Amino acid sequence: MAFPALNRVAELNARFGHLFETFGVKPKIVVEHQLLKIRFEDKARTRFLPVELQFRNEEPRDDWDGVWLVTDEYEEVEIGANDWTWHCFDDEESVEYLTQDTDLAMECIERELTNAKLAYNGAGFGKETWNDNFAMAYPYLTEALCMQEGVEVLCERHEGVEGYEFTSSVGVDWRVAFEPGIASIFMNAEKVATFPPDNPDFLTNYFLGVFTFKENPRQEPKI
């Protein structure tokens, strides 16, 4: 761990400690792909600010010269009939190159930290989610329900696990829950199938098959 990076963390804590306390995060030194970085996250890595500092110097320097200020860009996408918002990070990012001018570096960092919106790994809160697998499954599920008249797909969260709920046109209650590493399908509160959460095609095929069999999951769906 480079001592200059530790000095930068000390500077950040001295200058922006009040912001970190408000957001519930702290600056942390990490190494990713042999690149030294400072990230802003909580101890459990459940919440973070989409801002990081990357040390691009070939030789360690005890100032901000050669440090990149990188902010991830994201868009807000509405999902579910009950108006949830998916915070979708895209491949865009803004990059600012800091110099040895400490005051200017602090000004740039403060601007990005102040404007940043707290993000979450996995489940979010309220009607907001950062769970990509959960959110990306929404159009696949609605595609499978296109022939089910009057059916609304609602987003929900039970004990931190996000998922979808809907009642079919014949009155059967369905739930699709996205836990870390596995997604499960429930029919009238009974688990009837599991699938990899990053395979949303399964949802389309499963429910098209189930509805073809008149909602009898005991029979093999046409997958």
Protein backbone atom coordinates (compact mmCIF):
# COMPACT_ATOMS: atom_id res chain seq x y z
CA MET A 1 0.00 0.00 0.00
CA ALA A 2 1.62 3.28 -1.13
CA PHE A 3 2.20 5.91 1.53
CA PRO A 4 1.16 8.75 -0.83
CA ALA A 5 -2.26 7.12 -1.14
CA LEU A 6 -2.55 7.01 2.66
CA ASN A 7 -1.73 10.70 2.75
CA ARG A 8 -4.45 11.38 0.18
CA VAL A 9 -6.97 9.48 2.32
CA ALA A 10 -5.98 11.57 5.34
CA GLU A 11 -6.53 14.73 3.28
CA LEU A 12 -9.93 13.53 2.14
CA ASN A 13 -11.04 12.66 5.67
CA ALA A 14 -9.89 16.02 6.99
CA ARG A 15 -11.67 17.94 4.24
CA PHE A 16 -14.81 15.90 3.60
CA GLY A 17 -15.41 13.97 6.81
CA HIS A 18 -18.83 15.59 7.20
CA LEU A 19 -19.86 14.41 3.72
CA PHE A 20 -18.67 10.86 4.38
CA GLU A 21 -20.62 10.78 7.63
CA THR A 22 -23.76 11.98 5.83
CA PHE A 23 -23.43 9.31 3.14
CA GLY A 24 -22.30 6.59 5.54
CA VAL A 25 -19.13 5.85 3.55
CA LYS A 26 -15.39 6.23 3.97
CA PRO A 27 -12.50 6.49 1.51
CA LYS A 28 -10.83 3.10 1.06
CA ILE A 29 -7.66 2.14 -0.76
CA VAL A 30 -8.07 -0.80 -3.13
CA VAL A 31 -5.98 -2.38 -5.87
CA GLU A 32 -7.81 -3.50 -9.00
CA HIS A 33 -6.04 -4.84 -12.09
CA GLN A 34 -2.77 -3.61 -10.57
CA LEU A 35 -4.17 -0.09 -10.36
CA LEU A 36 -4.21 1.73 -7.03
CA LYS A 37 -7.55 3.43 -6.32
CA ILE A 38 -9.49 5.21 -3.62
CA ARG A 39 -13.16 4.30 -3.43
CA PHE A 40 -15.92 5.66 -1.24
CA GLU A 41 -17.94 2.86 0.35
CA ASP A 42 -19.14 1.49 3.66
CA LYS A 43 -17.42 -1.29 5.57
CA ALA A 44 -19.79 -3.99 4.29
CA ARG A 45 -19.52 -2.69 0.70
CA THR A 46 -23.30 -2.45 0.49
CA ARG A 47 -23.37 1.27 -0.34
CA PHE A 48 -20.97 3.46 -2.29
CA LEU A 49 -20.56 6.71 -4.17
CA PRO A 50 -19.96 6.22 -7.93
CA VAL A 51 -16.76 8.26 -7.71
CA GLU A 52 -13.20 6.99 -7.44
CA LEU A 53 -9.65 8.29 -7.57
CA GLN A 54 -7.16 6.37 -9.69
CA PHE A 55 -3.40 6.70 -9.18
CA ARG A 56 -1.97 6.67 -12.69
CA ASN A 57 1.53 7.87 -11.83
CA GLU A 58 4.40 5.66 -12.92
CA GLU A 59 6.21 6.72 -9.75
CA PRO A 60 4.41 7.47 -6.46
CA ARG A 61 4.00 11.18 -5.78
CA ASP A 62 2.98 12.84 -2.56
CA ASP A 63 0.45 15.16 -4.20
CA TRP A 64 -2.57 14.94 -6.54
CA ASP A 65 -0.61 15.20 -9.77
CA GLY A 66 -1.39 12.28 -12.11
CA VAL A 67 -4.48 11.20 -10.16
CA TRP A 68 -7.64 10.63 -12.21
CA LEU A 69 -11.01 11.64 -10.80
CA VAL A 70 -13.47 9.16 -12.34
CA THR A 71 -17.25 9.35 -11.98
CA ASP A 72 -19.52 6.61 -13.31
CA GLU A 73 -22.54 7.76 -15.27
CA TYR A 74 -25.93 6.09 -14.89
CA GLU A 75 -29.50 6.53 -16.00
CA GLU A 76 -32.79 5.99 -14.22
CA VAL A 77 -35.18 3.46 -15.76
CA GLU A 78 -38.75 2.86 -14.57
CA ILE A 79 -39.75 -0.76 -13.98
CA GLY A 80 -42.90 -2.37 -12.63
CA ALA A 81 -46.49 -1.16 -12.57
CA ASN A 82 -45.87 0.46 -9.17
CA ASP A 83 -43.25 2.93 -10.41
CA TRP A 84 -39.92 1.57 -9.21
CA THR A 85 -36.67 3.10 -10.44
CA TRP A 86 -33.65 1.12 -11.60
CA HIS A 87 -30.38 3.02 -11.36
CA CYS A 88 -28.64 1.60 -14.40
CA PHE A 89 -24.92 2.22 -14.68
CA ASP A 90 -23.82 2.42 -18.30
CA ASP A 91 -20.36 2.23 -19.84
CA GLU A 92 -19.98 6.00 -19.75
CA GLU A 93 -17.78 7.74 -17.24
CA SER A 94 -16.41 11.22 -16.80
CA VAL A 95 -12.68 11.60 -16.18
CA GLU A 96 -10.88 14.61 -14.80
CA TYR A 97 -7.10 14.77 -14.50
CA LEU A 98 -5.95 16.31 -11.25
CA THR A 99 -2.74 18.29 -10.81
CA GLN A 100 -0.44 19.09 -7.91
CA ASP A 101 -2.60 22.14 -7.14
CA THR A 102 -4.18 20.84 -3.92
CA ASP A 103 -6.86 23.52 -3.68
CA LEU A 104 -8.02 22.90 -7.24
CA ALA A 105 -7.96 19.12 -6.70
CA MET A 106 -10.07 19.47 -3.55
CA GLU A 107 -12.51 21.70 -5.39
CA CYS A 108 -12.95 19.13 -8.19
CA ILE A 109 -13.34 16.23 -5.77
CA GLU A 110 -15.83 18.13 -3.62
CA ARG A 111 -17.95 18.91 -6.68
CA GLU A 112 -18.18 15.25 -7.70
CA LEU A 113 -18.82 13.97 -4.17
CA THR A 114 -21.50 16.58 -3.53
CA ASN A 115 -23.30 15.87 -6.81
CA ALA A 116 -23.02 12.09 -6.51
CA LYS A 117 -26.02 10.02 -5.51
CA LEU A 118 -25.50 7.19 -3.06
CA ALA A 119 -25.63 3.82 -4.81
CA TYR A 120 -26.14 0.33 -3.42
CA ASN A 121 -24.82 -3.13 -4.22
CA GLY A 122 -27.76 -5.47 -4.69
CA ALA A 123 -31.01 -4.46 -3.04
CA GLY A 124 -31.77 -0.81 -2.59
CA PHE A 125 -34.46 0.89 -0.54
CA GLY A 126 -37.94 2.24 -1.03
CA LYS A 127 -38.79 2.03 -4.72
CA GLU A 128 -35.19 2.28 -5.90
CA THR A 129 -32.94 -0.59 -6.96
CA TRP A 130 -29.39 -1.10 -8.17
CA ASN A 131 -29.90 -4.84 -8.72
CA ASP A 132 -29.13 -5.34 -12.41
CA ASN A 133 -30.24 -8.97 -12.63
CA PHE A 134 -33.58 -8.15 -11.03
CA ALA A 135 -34.26 -5.08 -13.15
CA MET A 136 -33.08 -6.54 -16.46
CA ALA A 137 -35.51 -9.43 -16.06
CA TYR A 138 -38.55 -7.13 -16.16
CA PRO A 139 -39.04 -6.94 -19.97
CA TYR A 140 -38.52 -10.71 -20.26
CA LEU A 141 -41.24 -11.34 -17.70
CA THR A 142 -43.68 -8.90 -19.27
CA GLU A 143 -43.04 -10.48 -22.66
CA ALA A 144 -44.17 -13.83 -21.27
CA LEU A 145 -47.31 -12.20 -19.87
CA CYS A 146 -48.32 -10.38 -23.04
CA MET A 147 -51.35 -12.66 -23.55
CA GLN A 148 -52.48 -12.35 -19.91
CA GLU A 149 -55.03 -9.53 -20.06
CA GLY A 150 -55.19 -7.12 -17.14
CA VAL A 151 -52.13 -8.56 -15.36
CA GLU A 152 -49.87 -6.05 -13.61
CA VAL A 153 -46.32 -6.92 -12.59
CA LEU A 154 -45.38 -5.25 -9.30
CA CYS A 155 -41.89 -4.82 -7.91
CA GLU A 156 -41.48 -5.82 -4.26
CA ARG A 157 -38.88 -6.40 -1.58
CA HIS A 158 -39.17 -8.95 1.23
CA GLU A 159 -36.44 -9.04 3.87
CA GLY A 160 -34.01 -7.38 1.48
CA VAL A 161 -34.76 -9.72 -1.44
CA GLU A 162 -36.17 -7.96 -4.49
CA GLY A 163 -38.55 -9.56 -6.93
CA TYR A 164 -41.78 -9.37 -8.89
CA GLU A 165 -45.34 -10.30 -7.96
CA PHE A 166 -48.39 -10.71 -10.16
CA THR A 167 -51.69 -12.52 -10.21
CA SER A 168 -52.49 -14.32 -13.44
CA SER A 169 -55.76 -13.95 -15.32
CA VAL A 170 -57.09 -17.11 -13.62
CA GLY A 171 -56.22 -15.94 -10.10
CA VAL A 172 -52.91 -17.69 -9.44
CA ASP A 173 -50.39 -15.69 -7.38
CA TRP A 174 -46.84 -15.69 -8.71
CA ARG A 175 -43.60 -14.31 -7.32
CA VAL A 176 -40.10 -14.19 -8.80
CA ALA A 177 -37.38 -13.47 -6.21
CA PHE A 178 -33.78 -12.49 -7.00
CA GLU A 179 -31.39 -13.53 -4.24
CA PRO A 180 -27.60 -13.29 -4.64
CA GLY A 181 -26.56 -16.13 -6.94
CA ILE A 182 -30.02 -17.62 -7.49
CA ALA A 183 -33.51 -16.60 -8.57
CA SER A 184 -36.64 -18.49 -7.53
CA ILE A 185 -40.18 -18.74 -8.86
CA PHE A 186 -43.06 -19.20 -6.42
CA MET A 187 -46.62 -20.25 -7.24
CA ASN A 188 -49.13 -19.49 -4.47
CA ALA A 189 -46.16 -19.11 -2.06
CA GLU A 190 -44.67 -22.52 -3.01
CA LYS A 191 -41.29 -22.62 -4.73
CA VAL A 192 -41.64 -24.33 -8.10
CA ALA A 193 -38.43 -23.44 -9.96
CA THR A 194 -34.99 -21.85 -9.66
CA PHE A 195 -32.70 -20.40 -12.31
CA PRO A 196 -29.49 -18.36 -12.66
CA PRO A 197 -30.42 -14.72 -11.99
CA ASP A 198 -28.40 -13.53 -14.99
CA ASN A 199 -30.44 -15.70 -17.39
CA PRO A 200 -33.69 -13.74 -17.94
CA ASP A 201 -34.53 -15.82 -21.03
CA PHE A 202 -35.51 -18.56 -18.59
CA LEU A 203 -38.38 -16.42 -17.32
CA THR A 204 -39.87 -15.91 -20.76
CA ASN A 205 -39.61 -19.57 -21.68
CA TYR A 206 -40.81 -20.80 -18.30
CA PHE A 207 -43.96 -18.73 -18.10
CA LEU A 208 -44.87 -19.21 -21.75
CA GLY A 209 -44.61 -22.93 -21.05
CA VAL A 210 -46.55 -22.75 -17.80
CA PHE A 211 -49.42 -20.80 -19.31
CA THR A 212 -49.53 -23.25 -22.20
CA PHE A 213 -50.03 -26.00 -19.61
CA LYS A 214 -52.71 -23.90 -17.87
CA GLU A 215 -50.48 -23.04 -14.92
CA ASN A 216 -49.59 -26.55 -13.85
CA PRO A 217 -45.86 -26.37 -13.05
CA ARG A 218 -45.92 -30.04 -12.09
CA GLN A 219 -45.77 -30.66 -15.80
CA GLU A 220 -42.58 -29.83 -17.62
CA PRO A 221 -42.69 -26.36 -19.19
CA LYS A 222 -41.71 -26.05 -22.83
CA ILE A 223 -38.20 -24.67 -22.35
